Amino acid sequence: MYDPEDHDLYLTPKIAYFSSVKGGASRHMLVNGSDQQIAVKIKCSNNSLYRVSPVYCNLVPGQAQRLQIVRDPGAAKVDKLIILFKRSDAINPRDAFVLTNDEESESVQKRLIALISQEDVAVQQAPRTSLKTILQKNSVA
């Protein structure tokens, strides 16, 4: 149930389903499982259809943050949300990324949320396939 990879930043759920016809919203939870403050930055592969809040945040050890994803109606496809995070003492979490401009450095870790939109989406059960498989199948990786 608990993936050791998630120790520094626990993220749940890792997949969000939306109606391509109606759009929708999805809530997710980020939890800092490390012993240091981390700065978080959220990026999306499709900013024309998705909005996310917050885009930046600081998490002290043990702190949880709710993540809200909203999708507008549009073509059915698979997109991804990229959660970038790094250890940082910056007061403003944006400064941790903007001032250093090191999103690709080894100090920045990543987590993904698959954003799946379909024409007919009902209440979904837990997927029977992994996030990596979904992203590879739809060539979003």
N, C-alpha and C. Protein backbone atom coordinates (compact mmCIF):
# COMPACT_ATOMS: atom_id res chain seq x y z
N MET A 1 0.82 -1.20 0.00
CA MET A 1 0.00 0.00 0.00
C MET A 1 0.87 1.27 0.00
N TYR A 2 1.94 1.25 0.77
CA TYR A 2 2.81 2.43 0.84
C TYR A 2 4.05 2.17 0.00
N ASP A 3 4.30 2.99 -0.97
CA ASP A 3 5.44 2.85 -1.86
C ASP A 3 6.62 3.61 -1.27
N PRO A 4 7.77 2.95 -1.05
CA PRO A 4 8.93 3.65 -0.48
C PRO A 4 9.34 4.88 -1.29
N GLU A 5 9.05 4.89 -2.59
CA GLU A 5 9.35 6.05 -3.43
C GLU A 5 8.59 7.28 -2.96
N ASP A 6 7.46 7.07 -2.31
CA ASP A 6 6.60 8.18 -1.88
C ASP A 6 7.00 8.76 -0.53
N HIS A 7 8.11 8.33 0.05
CA HIS A 7 8.44 8.77 1.40
C HIS A 7 8.55 10.29 1.52
N ASP A 8 9.28 10.93 0.64
CA ASP A 8 9.46 12.38 0.75
C ASP A 8 8.18 13.15 0.46
N LEU A 9 7.44 12.73 -0.56
CA LEU A 9 6.18 13.39 -0.90
C LEU A 9 5.16 12.32 -1.25
N TYR A 10 4.21 12.13 -0.34
CA TYR A 10 3.14 11.16 -0.58
C TYR A 10 2.05 11.86 -1.38
N LEU A 11 1.56 11.21 -2.42
CA LEU A 11 0.55 11.78 -3.31
C LEU A 11 -0.56 10.77 -3.53
N THR A 12 -1.81 11.21 -3.33
CA THR A 12 -2.94 10.33 -3.57
C THR A 12 -4.16 11.12 -3.99
N PRO A 13 -4.99 10.63 -4.90
CA PRO A 13 -4.73 9.53 -5.83
C PRO A 13 -3.81 9.99 -6.95
N LYS A 14 -3.27 9.02 -7.69
CA LYS A 14 -2.32 9.33 -8.76
C LYS A 14 -2.96 9.35 -10.14
N ILE A 15 -4.26 9.13 -10.19
CA ILE A 15 -4.99 9.15 -11.45
C ILE A 15 -6.28 9.93 -11.24
N ALA A 16 -6.62 10.80 -12.20
CA ALA A 16 -7.87 11.58 -12.14
C ALA A 16 -8.66 11.34 -13.42
N TYR A 17 -9.95 11.10 -13.26
CA TYR A 17 -10.84 10.87 -14.41
C TYR A 17 -11.77 12.05 -14.58
N PHE A 18 -11.99 12.47 -15.82
CA PHE A 18 -12.86 13.60 -16.12
C PHE A 18 -13.74 13.27 -17.32
N SER A 19 -14.88 13.92 -17.39
CA SER A 19 -15.73 13.85 -18.57
C SER A 19 -15.22 14.86 -19.58
N SER A 20 -14.98 14.42 -20.81
CA SER A 20 -14.53 15.37 -21.83
C SER A 20 -15.68 16.28 -22.26
N VAL A 21 -16.92 15.83 -22.06
CA VAL A 21 -18.09 16.61 -22.45
C VAL A 21 -18.42 17.67 -21.41
N LYS A 22 -18.39 17.29 -20.13
CA LYS A 22 -18.79 18.19 -19.05
C LYS A 22 -17.62 18.83 -18.31
N GLY A 23 -16.44 18.26 -18.43
CA GLY A 23 -15.33 18.72 -17.62
C GLY A 23 -15.47 18.15 -16.22
N GLY A 24 -14.94 18.82 -15.23
CA GLY A 24 -15.08 18.33 -13.86
C GLY A 24 -13.94 18.78 -12.97
N ALA A 25 -13.92 18.22 -11.77
CA ALA A 25 -12.90 18.57 -10.78
C ALA A 25 -12.45 17.31 -10.06
N SER A 26 -11.24 17.36 -9.54
CA SER A 26 -10.68 16.24 -8.80
C SER A 26 -9.82 16.79 -7.67
N ARG A 27 -9.92 16.15 -6.50
CA ARG A 27 -9.11 16.55 -5.34
C ARG A 27 -8.05 15.51 -5.07
N HIS A 28 -6.89 16.00 -4.70
CA HIS A 28 -5.76 15.12 -4.41
C HIS A 28 -5.09 15.63 -3.14
N MET A 29 -4.27 14.79 -2.52
CA MET A 29 -3.60 15.16 -1.28
C MET A 29 -2.10 14.97 -1.42
N LEU A 30 -1.36 15.99 -1.01
CA LEU A 30 0.10 15.95 -0.95
C LEU A 30 0.49 15.95 0.53
N VAL A 31 1.42 15.09 0.93
CA VAL A 31 1.88 15.06 2.32
C VAL A 31 3.40 14.98 2.33
N ASN A 32 4.03 15.89 3.08
CA ASN A 32 5.48 15.89 3.23
C ASN A 32 5.87 14.84 4.27
N GLY A 33 6.47 13.75 3.82
CA GLY A 33 6.89 12.68 4.73
C GLY A 33 8.36 12.79 5.11
N SER A 34 9.02 13.83 4.65
CA SER A 34 10.45 13.99 4.95
C SER A 34 10.63 14.73 6.28
N ASP A 35 11.88 14.95 6.65
CA ASP A 35 12.17 15.66 7.89
C ASP A 35 12.58 17.11 7.63
N GLN A 36 12.39 17.59 6.40
CA GLN A 36 12.74 18.98 6.05
C GLN A 36 11.60 19.61 5.25
N GLN A 37 11.58 20.94 5.26
CA GLN A 37 10.59 21.66 4.45
C GLN A 37 10.86 21.41 2.97
N ILE A 38 9.78 21.26 2.20
CA ILE A 38 9.93 21.13 0.75
C ILE A 38 9.08 22.19 0.05
N ALA A 39 9.58 22.64 -1.09
CA ALA A 39 8.84 23.56 -1.96
C ALA A 39 8.26 22.71 -3.09
N VAL A 40 7.02 23.01 -3.48
CA VAL A 40 6.32 22.24 -4.50
C VAL A 40 5.89 23.17 -5.63
N LYS A 41 6.05 22.69 -6.87
CA LYS A 41 5.58 23.41 -8.05
C LYS A 41 4.78 22.43 -8.90
N ILE A 42 3.60 22.86 -9.36
CA ILE A 42 2.74 22.00 -10.18
C ILE A 42 2.77 22.50 -11.62
N LYS A 43 3.01 21.58 -12.56
CA LYS A 43 2.98 21.90 -13.99
C LYS A 43 1.98 20.95 -14.67
N CYS A 44 1.43 21.39 -15.79
CA CYS A 44 0.45 20.58 -16.52
C CYS A 44 0.82 20.50 -17.99
N SER A 45 0.52 19.36 -18.61
CA SER A 45 0.82 19.19 -20.03
C SER A 45 -0.21 19.88 -20.92
N ASN A 46 -1.32 20.36 -20.33
CA ASN A 46 -2.36 21.02 -21.13
C ASN A 46 -3.00 22.14 -20.32
N ASN A 47 -2.40 23.32 -20.36
CA ASN A 47 -2.92 24.45 -19.57
C ASN A 47 -4.17 25.07 -20.16
N SER A 48 -4.53 24.72 -21.39
CA SER A 48 -5.75 25.28 -21.97
C SER A 48 -7.01 24.61 -21.43
N LEU A 49 -6.90 23.35 -20.97
CA LEU A 49 -8.06 22.64 -20.44
C LEU A 49 -8.05 22.50 -18.92
N TYR A 50 -6.88 22.55 -18.30
CA TYR A 50 -6.78 22.28 -16.87
C TYR A 50 -6.32 23.51 -16.09
N ARG A 51 -6.87 23.62 -14.88
CA ARG A 51 -6.41 24.61 -13.90
C ARG A 51 -6.12 23.86 -12.61
N VAL A 52 -5.11 24.30 -11.91
CA VAL A 52 -4.73 23.62 -10.68
C VAL A 52 -4.49 24.66 -9.59
N SER A 53 -4.82 24.28 -8.37
CA SER A 53 -4.62 25.16 -7.23
C SER A 53 -4.23 24.32 -6.02
N PRO A 54 -3.15 24.68 -5.35
CA PRO A 54 -2.20 25.76 -5.62
C PRO A 54 -1.18 25.34 -6.68
N VAL A 55 -0.55 26.31 -7.31
CA VAL A 55 0.51 26.02 -8.27
C VAL A 55 1.84 25.86 -7.52
N TYR A 56 2.05 26.67 -6.49
CA TYR A 56 3.24 26.59 -5.64
C TYR A 56 2.80 26.46 -4.19
N CYS A 57 3.57 25.71 -3.40
CA CYS A 57 3.33 25.68 -1.95
C CYS A 57 4.58 25.18 -1.24
N ASN A 58 4.71 25.54 0.03
CA ASN A 58 5.72 25.00 0.91
C ASN A 58 5.04 24.01 1.83
N LEU A 59 5.71 22.90 2.12
CA LEU A 59 5.19 21.92 3.06
C LEU A 59 6.25 21.64 4.12
N VAL A 60 5.92 21.91 5.38
CA VAL A 60 6.82 21.56 6.47
C VAL A 60 6.66 20.07 6.74
N PRO A 61 7.60 19.44 7.45
CA PRO A 61 7.50 18.01 7.70
C PRO A 61 6.15 17.62 8.31
N GLY A 62 5.51 16.62 7.71
CA GLY A 62 4.23 16.13 8.20
C GLY A 62 3.01 16.90 7.71
N GLN A 63 3.21 18.02 7.05
CA GLN A 63 2.09 18.85 6.60
C GLN A 63 1.43 18.25 5.35
N ALA A 64 0.10 18.39 5.30
CA ALA A 64 -0.68 17.95 4.14
C ALA A 64 -1.22 19.17 3.41
N GLN A 65 -1.38 19.05 2.11
CA GLN A 65 -1.93 20.12 1.28
C GLN A 65 -2.90 19.50 0.28
N ARG A 66 -4.12 20.03 0.23
CA ARG A 66 -5.08 19.58 -0.76
C ARG A 66 -4.76 20.22 -2.10
N LEU A 67 -4.84 19.44 -3.16
CA LEU A 67 -4.59 19.89 -4.53
C LEU A 67 -5.90 19.76 -5.30
N GLN A 68 -6.34 20.85 -5.91
CA GLN A 68 -7.59 20.87 -6.67
C GLN A 68 -7.26 20.98 -8.15
N ILE A 69 -7.81 20.06 -8.96
CA ILE A 69 -7.63 20.08 -10.41
C ILE A 69 -9.00 20.27 -11.05
N VAL A 70 -9.11 21.26 -11.93
CA VAL A 70 -10.38 21.53 -12.63
C VAL A 70 -10.12 21.39 -14.13
N ARG A 71 -11.03 20.66 -14.81
CA ARG A 71 -10.92 20.48 -16.26
C ARG A 71 -12.14 21.09 -16.94
N ASP A 72 -11.89 21.85 -18.00
CA ASP A 72 -12.96 22.39 -18.83
C ASP A 72 -13.35 21.35 -19.89
N PRO A 73 -14.56 21.46 -20.46
CA PRO A 73 -14.94 20.54 -21.54
C PRO A 73 -13.98 20.69 -22.72
N GLY A 74 -13.69 19.58 -23.38
CA GLY A 74 -12.78 19.59 -24.52
C GLY A 74 -12.55 18.18 -25.01
N ALA A 75 -11.71 18.03 -26.00
CA ALA A 75 -11.45 16.72 -26.61
C ALA A 75 -10.96 15.71 -25.58
N ALA A 76 -11.43 14.46 -25.73
CA ALA A 76 -11.02 13.38 -24.84
C ALA A 76 -9.57 12.99 -25.13
N LYS A 77 -8.74 12.98 -24.10
CA LYS A 77 -7.34 12.60 -24.25
C LYS A 77 -6.72 12.39 -22.88
N VAL A 78 -5.52 11.91 -22.87
CA VAL A 78 -4.78 11.70 -21.63
C VAL A 78 -3.72 12.80 -21.52
N ASP A 79 -3.71 13.47 -20.38
CA ASP A 79 -2.69 14.48 -20.10
C ASP A 79 -2.01 14.10 -18.79
N LYS A 80 -1.10 14.94 -18.33
CA LYS A 80 -0.43 14.65 -17.06
C LYS A 80 -0.19 15.92 -16.29
N LEU A 81 -0.18 15.75 -14.97
CA LEU A 81 0.18 16.82 -14.05
C LEU A 81 1.53 16.41 -13.47
N ILE A 82 2.48 17.32 -13.48
CA ILE A 82 3.82 17.04 -12.97
C ILE A 82 4.00 17.80 -11.67
N ILE A 83 4.28 17.08 -10.59
CA ILE A 83 4.52 17.70 -9.29
C ILE A 83 6.03 17.70 -9.08
N LEU A 84 6.63 18.88 -9.13
CA LEU A 84 8.06 19.05 -8.88
C LEU A 84 8.24 19.45 -7.42
N PHE A 85 9.21 18.87 -6.74
CA PHE A 85 9.46 19.27 -5.36
C PHE A 85 10.93 19.12 -5.02
N LYS A 86 11.35 19.95 -4.07
CA LYS A 86 12.74 19.94 -3.62
C LYS A 86 12.82 20.48 -2.20
N ARG A 87 13.85 20.08 -1.51
CA ARG A 87 14.10 20.62 -0.17
C ARG A 87 14.47 22.08 -0.32
N SER A 88 13.85 22.92 0.52
CA SER A 88 14.08 24.35 0.39
C SER A 88 13.72 25.07 1.67
N ASP A 89 14.51 26.10 1.99
CA ASP A 89 14.21 26.96 3.13
C ASP A 89 13.59 28.27 2.69
N ALA A 90 13.29 28.41 1.41
CA ALA A 90 12.72 29.65 0.88
C ALA A 90 11.36 29.93 1.53
N ILE A 91 11.12 31.18 1.86
CA ILE A 91 9.84 31.58 2.44
C ILE A 91 8.75 31.52 1.37
N ASN A 92 9.07 32.00 0.18
CA ASN A 92 8.13 31.95 -0.94
C ASN A 92 8.49 30.72 -1.79
N PRO A 93 7.58 29.74 -1.92
CA PRO A 93 7.93 28.52 -2.66
C PRO A 93 8.28 28.78 -4.12
N ARG A 94 7.72 29.82 -4.70
CA ARG A 94 8.03 30.15 -6.10
C ARG A 94 9.51 30.49 -6.25
N ASP A 95 10.07 31.18 -5.26
CA ASP A 95 11.49 31.55 -5.30
C ASP A 95 12.40 30.32 -5.37
N ALA A 96 11.99 29.22 -4.77
CA ALA A 96 12.81 28.01 -4.78
C ALA A 96 13.02 27.49 -6.20
N PHE A 97 12.09 27.79 -7.10
CA PHE A 97 12.20 27.33 -8.48
C PHE A 97 12.59 28.45 -9.44
N VAL A 98 12.04 29.64 -9.26
CA VAL A 98 12.27 30.74 -10.20
C VAL A 98 13.68 31.29 -10.08
N LEU A 99 14.15 31.52 -8.88
CA LEU A 99 15.46 32.13 -8.69
C LEU A 99 16.60 31.21 -9.10
N THR A 100 16.42 29.91 -8.91
CA THR A 100 17.49 28.97 -9.25
C THR A 100 17.33 28.39 -10.64
N ASN A 101 16.10 28.36 -11.15
CA ASN A 101 15.79 27.86 -12.49
C ASN A 101 16.42 26.48 -12.73
N ASP A 102 16.25 25.59 -11.74
CA ASP A 102 16.90 24.28 -11.85
C ASP A 102 15.89 23.13 -11.83
N GLU A 103 14.82 23.26 -12.59
CA GLU A 103 13.79 22.21 -12.61
C GLU A 103 14.34 20.86 -13.05
N GLU A 104 15.41 20.85 -13.82
CA GLU A 104 15.96 19.59 -14.32
C GLU A 104 17.13 19.08 -13.47
N SER A 105 17.48 19.76 -12.40
CA SER A 105 18.62 19.32 -11.59
C SER A 105 18.25 18.10 -10.76
N GLU A 106 19.27 17.44 -10.24
CA GLU A 106 19.06 16.24 -9.44
C GLU A 106 18.37 16.54 -8.12
N SER A 107 18.41 17.78 -7.66
CA SER A 107 17.77 18.13 -6.39
C SER A 107 16.25 18.20 -6.52
N VAL A 108 15.74 18.27 -7.74
CA VAL A 108 14.30 18.35 -7.97
C VAL A 108 13.77 16.95 -8.28
N GLN A 109 12.79 16.53 -7.47
CA GLN A 109 12.15 15.24 -7.69
C GLN A 109 10.79 15.46 -8.35
N LYS A 110 10.25 14.39 -8.96
CA LYS A 110 8.98 14.51 -9.67
C LYS A 110 8.01 13.40 -9.28
N ARG A 111 6.74 13.75 -9.29
CA ARG A 111 5.64 12.79 -9.19
C ARG A 111 4.67 13.15 -10.30
N LEU A 112 3.89 12.18 -10.76
CA LEU A 112 2.93 12.41 -11.83
C LEU A 112 1.52 12.05 -11.40
N ILE A 113 0.56 12.79 -11.95
CA ILE A 113 -0.85 12.42 -11.86
C ILE A 113 -1.34 12.29 -13.30
N ALA A 114 -1.90 11.13 -13.65
CA ALA A 114 -2.47 10.93 -14.98
C ALA A 114 -3.83 11.60 -15.01
N LEU A 115 -4.08 12.41 -16.03
CA LEU A 115 -5.35 13.12 -16.21
C LEU A 115 -6.05 12.47 -17.39
N ILE A 116 -7.06 11.67 -17.12
CA ILE A 116 -7.73 10.89 -18.16
C ILE A 116 -9.12 11.45 -18.39
N SER A 117 -9.40 11.85 -19.62
CA SER A 117 -10.73 12.33 -19.96
C SER A 117 -11.34 11.42 -21.02
N GLN A 118 -12.61 11.12 -20.82
CA GLN A 118 -13.36 10.26 -21.73
C GLN A 118 -14.72 10.88 -21.95
N GLU A 119 -15.39 10.48 -23.03
CA GLU A 119 -16.71 11.04 -23.31
C GLU A 119 -17.72 10.66 -22.24
N ASP A 120 -17.66 9.43 -21.77
CA ASP A 120 -18.65 8.95 -20.80
C ASP A 120 -17.93 8.48 -19.55
N VAL A 121 -17.85 9.35 -18.55
CA VAL A 121 -17.17 9.01 -17.31
C VAL A 121 -18.18 8.98 -16.19
N ALA A 122 -18.26 7.84 -15.52
CA ALA A 122 -19.09 7.70 -14.33
C ALA A 122 -18.14 7.64 -13.14
N VAL A 123 -18.67 7.38 -11.96
CA VAL A 123 -17.81 7.24 -10.78
C VAL A 123 -16.89 6.07 -11.04
N GLN A 124 -15.61 6.31 -10.93
CA GLN A 124 -14.61 5.30 -11.27
C GLN A 124 -14.16 4.52 -10.04
N GLN A 125 -13.87 3.26 -10.27
CA GLN A 125 -13.24 2.44 -9.25
C GLN A 125 -11.74 2.59 -9.42
N ALA A 126 -11.02 2.08 -8.45
CA ALA A 126 -9.55 2.15 -8.55
C ALA A 126 -9.11 1.43 -9.82
N PRO A 127 -8.19 2.02 -10.56
CA PRO A 127 -7.75 1.41 -11.81
C PRO A 127 -7.01 0.10 -11.55
N ARG A 128 -7.08 -0.78 -12.50
CA ARG A 128 -6.41 -2.07 -12.38
C ARG A 128 -5.04 -2.06 -13.07
N THR A 129 -4.63 -0.92 -13.50
CA THR A 129 -3.35 -0.79 -14.18
C THR A 129 -2.55 0.34 -13.54
N SER A 130 -1.27 0.32 -13.73
CA SER A 130 -0.41 1.31 -13.07
C SER A 130 -0.40 2.63 -13.83
N LEU A 131 -0.02 3.68 -13.13
CA LEU A 131 0.11 5.01 -13.72
C LEU A 131 1.10 4.97 -14.88
N LYS A 132 2.22 4.31 -14.69
CA LYS A 132 3.25 4.24 -15.73
C LYS A 132 2.69 3.58 -17.00
N THR A 133 1.92 2.50 -16.84
CA THR A 133 1.33 1.81 -17.99
C THR A 133 0.35 2.70 -18.73
N ILE A 134 -0.47 3.44 -18.00
CA ILE A 134 -1.45 4.33 -18.63
C ILE A 134 -0.74 5.41 -19.44
N LEU A 135 0.28 6.02 -18.86
CA LEU A 135 1.00 7.09 -19.55
C LEU A 135 1.76 6.56 -20.77
N GLN A 136 2.36 5.38 -20.66
CA GLN A 136 3.07 4.80 -21.81
C GLN A 136 2.09 4.43 -22.91
N LYS A 137 0.98 3.84 -22.54
CA LYS A 137 -0.03 3.41 -23.51
C LYS A 137 -0.54 4.60 -24.31
N ASN A 138 -0.66 5.74 -23.67
CA ASN A 138 -1.18 6.93 -24.33
C ASN A 138 -0.07 7.90 -24.73
N SER A 139 1.16 7.42 -24.69
CA SER A 139 2.37 8.17 -25.08
C SER A 139 2.44 9.58 -24.52
N VAL A 140 2.18 9.70 -23.20
CA VAL A 140 2.28 10.99 -22.51
C VAL A 140 3.57 11.05 -21.71
N ALA A 141 4.23 9.92 -21.51
CA ALA A 141 5.44 9.86 -20.69
C ALA A 141 6.51 10.64 -21.30
